[in-house]
Structure formats: C-alpha cells, structure tokens
C-alpha cells in the first residue's frame, strides 16, 4: 500500500511530503520508541512508527532507508527534525492514535511486521 493509504487508515496529518504519498509504497512496518531497536530489528525499507520526536528519528529512518515516519500519540516533531526530513525527502505523518492502535490498523490493512530473528541470550 502507499503512504496515502497509510495516512487515510490512521487519519493522520501530513507534516511533510504530501507530493510523495502516492509514490511511496509500504510493505512492512516497525514500531518502537527505541532507536537502538529500530537499528537492530527493523527491515530496511519498512515504515517507522514512533512516539519520539527528536531529530535522531529522521537520521535513523534515513540510515535504514525507511520511506516514511508516522509519529503516534499526537506527538509532533521539532523544527529541526522537520527540516531534516524535508532535506532527506522523508515524508512525515502525525497520528493521534496510540502506537498499539496504529499498528493494529495497519496490520489489518495488510502491512506486515518486520521479522525478528530469534536470539539466544
């Protein structure tokens, strides 16, 4: 599905990148407030859902070739994160839904979770 579908499913506000929503396709998603988990477990190219709003979110999304970021719980990123997303052409969406509800809605609509390999501790 494309990001416009994601936007509609989550009833999300478009913070930046409306012109990219129809062309950006999303097959997988990963949700976390820990960027170390995103780096360790997310599949490159997956959509990121997070409640964090700092500039590191955009940098992490860029490193992981993530096509977009959904900020959940109504949390809005700062101007530095927004500016960096524009420079990196990473669409940003804002949803007032919880992370749990957002993930559930996307899963029901066919967005797949990133596969996490089993680890032995």
Foldseek 3Di string as FASTA:
>chain_A
DFQVVLCVLQVWDWPDQPVCRVPQDAQEEDEDQDLVCCVQFPQQQHEYEYQDAELVVQVSNVVSNHQEYEHELQHYHDPVNSVVCVVVVRIYIYGNHHPVVSVVSVVVVRRHYGDGDDDDD
